[in-house]
Structures are given as C-alpha cells and as structure tokens.
Amino acid sequence: MKHKSGQMEHKGYSVIAKVFHWGFVALFAYGIAKQVDDINQLEDFALLRFELIFATILVVMLVLRFIYMTITQTSSLPQETSTLQKLAAKLVHLGMYASIAAVAISGILVGVFYWIGVKDGLLVQGVIAVHESAVTLSYWLIGIHVAAAVYHRFKSDGVWNSMVPAWREKSNSSD
C-alpha cells in the first residue's frame, strides 16, 4: 500500500510488538506515578519488596522485549530514509532500552543496599545519582521518540500507523 508521499507502507509491527510497546508505556507511567519520593520510605518492608519485584519484572520484560524486537521485527522507517536519520532512530531506541534498564537496575541496587542496612554513604549516593541520571535521560529519549513519531504522523510515511492505533494516516492507494 502506498501513502500520500508515494512510499510503500511498512506492514506494521506484530500484535506482540504493539503489546510490548504500549505495555511498557503503561508500566513506565505507573512506575513514575508511584515512585519513591524519599529513600526513607523504604523502611516499609512491604513497599521495599514491591519496588524490588516491580523493578525485577521490568528488567525481565525489557530483556524479553529487546530480544523479541531484535529477532522478529524490522524498522518501519521508509527505505528512502537518510542514513543519519536511521542512525538517530537506532541510537534513541537503544538509549531508551539502556536508560530504562539503568533506572530499574540502579533502583534494585538501592533497594538491596537499603535491605541489608546500607542506607547512606558514597556507594548508595553514587547509585542514587546513576538512578536519577538514568531517569532524566529516559525522559529526554522518550520525548525525542514521541516527537519523532508525531513528525512521521504529519509526514504521512506509514511510520505512525505501524505502531499507533489512533489518529490513523490516510493512504492514497487505489488498492
């Protein structure tokens, strides 16, 4: 199928890929909404246990998603996309994987340190700094990702339709 731009449309990502994508949107949003505001909240063992389980599940799901996407899916960027833009897209995607993994793993480390009684000091402060930096980086990369998706929606090149179920692009195909 061709779009307004005359480019062939990517068939779209699989249902599993879309569930992984939008599931991570929900998981990440939930993680941000319920985040620990003060490390001393981890005194509550039920909260500490929940945070450790949540972060562990997030890491496992992230690894499974990365493996699945790498093995079974291809980019929806049109073939004519510049090498620089393809590289930027790849770096943003890999950066999101790495920064979200760093958020979860550093959070696990903070939780484990807290659990074993190491509640302060240079090591804990260093891991917290990594955690906070990874959160900030993930926000920036997700923002760039969303901006690029919106750009492609207005470009009507099929990238938006390959993953987003709403505000669909209209094609000019005669098929």
Protein backbone atom coordinates (compact mmCIF):
# COMPACT_ATOMS: atom_id res chain seq x y z
CA MET A 1 0.00 0.00 0.00
CA LYS A 2 1.32 3.47 -0.86
CA HIS A 3 0.98 6.64 1.19
CA LYS A 4 0.50 10.25 0.09
CA SER A 5 4.26 10.50 -0.20
CA GLY A 6 4.27 7.68 -2.74
CA GLN A 7 6.28 5.46 -0.39
CA MET A 8 5.39 1.87 0.34
CA GLU A 9 3.79 1.35 3.75
CA HIS A 10 5.52 -0.84 6.32
CA LYS A 11 3.17 -3.71 7.12
CA GLY A 12 3.24 -2.68 10.75
CA TYR A 13 4.51 -4.30 13.85
CA SER A 14 3.08 -7.56 15.14
CA VAL A 15 0.41 -7.61 17.82
CA ILE A 16 3.02 -8.88 20.29
CA ALA A 17 5.33 -5.97 19.42
CA LYS A 18 2.48 -3.50 19.93
CA VAL A 19 1.54 -5.09 23.27
CA PHE A 20 5.18 -4.86 24.39
CA HIS A 21 5.37 -1.22 23.25
CA TRP A 22 2.14 0.03 24.81
CA GLY A 23 2.59 -2.24 27.83
CA PHE A 24 5.90 -0.51 28.52
CA VAL A 25 4.25 2.87 28.16
CA ALA A 26 1.80 1.80 30.88
CA LEU A 27 4.49 0.19 33.09
CA PHE A 28 6.80 3.20 32.84
CA ALA A 29 3.96 5.65 33.53
CA TYR A 30 2.90 3.57 36.53
CA GLY A 31 6.48 3.43 37.80
CA ILE A 32 6.78 7.21 37.54
CA ALA A 33 3.40 7.81 39.20
CA LYS A 34 4.15 5.59 42.20
CA GLN A 35 7.86 6.36 42.52
CA VAL A 36 9.52 6.61 45.92
CA ASP A 37 9.82 10.29 46.85
CA ASP A 38 12.12 9.77 49.83
CA ILE A 39 14.51 6.85 50.30
CA ASN A 40 13.33 6.55 53.92
CA GLN A 41 10.01 5.28 52.58
CA LEU A 42 11.89 2.02 52.01
CA GLU A 43 11.71 1.46 55.80
CA ASP A 44 8.30 -0.02 54.97
CA PHE A 45 9.32 -3.58 54.07
CA ALA A 46 6.13 -4.19 52.04
CA LEU A 47 6.97 -1.16 49.86
CA LEU A 48 10.61 -2.20 49.55
CA ARG A 49 9.61 -5.73 48.49
CA PHE A 50 7.08 -4.34 46.00
CA GLU A 51 9.67 -1.97 44.49
CA LEU A 52 12.20 -4.79 44.12
CA ILE A 53 9.65 -7.11 42.49
CA PHE A 54 8.36 -4.36 40.18
CA ALA A 55 11.87 -3.39 39.05
CA THR A 56 12.86 -7.03 38.53
CA ILE A 57 9.76 -7.69 36.40
CA LEU A 58 10.50 -4.52 34.42
CA VAL A 59 14.07 -5.67 33.66
CA VAL A 60 12.94 -9.18 32.66
CA MET A 61 10.20 -7.79 30.40
CA LEU A 62 12.63 -5.27 28.90
CA VAL A 63 15.11 -8.03 28.04
CA LEU A 64 12.34 -10.19 26.54
CA ARG A 65 11.07 -7.22 24.53
CA PHE A 66 14.56 -6.39 23.26
CA ILE A 67 15.16 -10.00 22.18
CA TYR A 68 11.73 -10.29 20.54
CA MET A 69 12.02 -6.98 18.68
CA THR A 70 15.58 -7.67 17.54
CA ILE A 71 14.80 -11.15 16.22
CA THR A 72 11.33 -10.70 14.73
CA GLN A 73 10.72 -7.07 13.79
CA THR A 74 12.19 -4.61 11.29
CA SER A 75 12.19 -0.83 11.29
CA SER A 76 9.15 0.90 9.89
CA LEU A 77 11.25 3.77 8.55
CA PRO A 78 10.84 4.06 4.78
CA GLN A 79 13.70 2.68 2.72
CA GLU A 80 14.48 6.18 1.42
CA THR A 81 15.15 7.49 4.95
CA SER A 82 18.61 9.04 5.26
CA THR A 83 21.37 7.04 6.91
CA LEU A 84 21.73 9.77 9.53
CA GLN A 85 18.04 9.61 10.47
CA LYS A 86 18.15 5.80 10.63
CA LEU A 87 21.20 6.01 12.90
CA ALA A 88 19.49 8.59 15.13
CA ALA A 89 16.40 6.38 15.41
CA LYS A 90 18.55 3.36 16.31
CA LEU A 91 20.50 5.34 18.93
CA VAL A 92 17.33 6.72 20.52
CA HIS A 93 15.78 3.23 20.70
CA LEU A 94 18.92 1.64 22.14
CA GLY A 95 19.26 4.59 24.52
CA MET A 96 15.72 4.06 25.77
CA TYR A 97 16.43 0.38 26.41
CA ALA A 98 19.68 1.21 28.21
CA SER A 99 18.32 4.10 30.27
CA ILE A 100 15.19 2.23 31.36
CA ALA A 101 17.32 -0.81 32.27
CA ALA A 102 19.65 1.50 34.22
CA VAL A 103 16.68 3.00 36.08
CA ALA A 104 15.42 -0.43 37.11
CA ILE A 105 18.83 -1.97 37.92
CA SER A 106 20.02 1.03 39.92
CA GLY A 107 16.67 1.03 41.75
CA ILE A 108 17.18 -2.64 42.57
CA LEU A 109 20.67 -1.88 43.88
CA VAL A 110 19.37 0.95 46.08
CA GLY A 111 16.67 -1.40 47.41
CA VAL A 112 19.11 -4.21 48.11
CA PHE A 113 21.54 -1.84 49.85
CA TYR A 114 18.70 -0.49 51.95
CA TRP A 115 17.50 -4.02 52.75
CA ILE A 116 20.94 -5.09 54.02
CA GLY A 117 21.25 -1.94 56.11
CA VAL A 118 23.48 0.20 53.89
CA LYS A 119 21.28 3.29 53.90
CA ASP A 120 23.80 6.05 53.29
CA GLY A 121 27.34 6.66 52.17
CA LEU A 122 29.25 7.21 48.97
CA LEU A 123 28.19 3.93 47.35
CA VAL A 124 24.47 4.50 47.97
CA GLN A 125 24.72 8.14 46.90
CA GLY A 126 26.54 7.09 43.72
CA VAL A 127 23.87 4.53 42.81
CA ILE A 128 21.14 7.11 43.53
CA ALA A 129 22.95 9.58 41.23
CA VAL A 130 23.05 6.95 38.46
CA HIS A 131 19.36 6.22 39.06
CA GLU A 132 18.37 9.89 38.86
CA SER A 133 20.53 10.48 35.77
CA ALA A 134 19.04 7.44 34.04
CA VAL A 135 15.51 8.69 34.83
CA THR A 136 16.33 12.10 33.35
CA LEU A 137 17.94 10.55 30.27
CA SER A 138 14.95 8.26 29.75
CA TYR A 139 12.60 11.28 29.87
CA TRP A 140 14.65 13.05 27.19
CA LEU A 141 14.87 10.00 24.96
CA ILE A 142 11.17 9.22 25.29
CA GLY A 143 10.41 12.86 24.46
CA ILE A 144 12.57 12.64 21.33
CA HIS A 145 10.88 9.34 20.41
CA VAL A 146 7.39 10.85 20.77
CA ALA A 147 8.41 13.97 18.82
CA ALA A 148 9.77 11.78 16.02
CA ALA A 149 6.56 9.74 15.96
CA VAL A 150 4.48 12.91 15.66
CA TYR A 151 6.83 14.15 12.92
CA HIS A 152 6.23 10.94 10.99
CA ARG A 153 2.48 11.24 11.54
CA PHE A 154 2.49 14.61 9.78
CA LYS A 155 4.90 13.30 7.14
CA SER A 156 2.37 10.50 6.41
CA ASP A 157 5.05 7.97 5.59
CA GLY A 158 3.48 4.98 7.39
CA VAL A 159 5.73 5.04 10.45
CA TRP A 160 2.92 6.30 12.72
CA ASN A 161 0.42 3.69 11.52
CA SER A 162 2.92 0.88 12.06
CA MET A 163 2.64 1.20 15.86
CA VAL A 164 -0.04 3.70 16.88
CA PRO A 165 -3.68 2.57 16.92
CA ALA A 166 -5.20 6.07 16.91
CA TRP A 167 -5.26 9.16 14.67
CA ARG A 168 -4.50 6.96 11.66
CA GLU A 169 -2.88 8.27 8.49
CA LYS A 170 -4.98 8.10 5.37
CA SER A 171 -3.41 6.48 2.34
CA ASN A 172 -3.82 7.48 -1.28
CA SER A 173 -3.69 3.94 -2.56
CA SER A 174 -6.07 2.62 -5.17
CA ASP A 175 -5.87 -0.96 -3.92
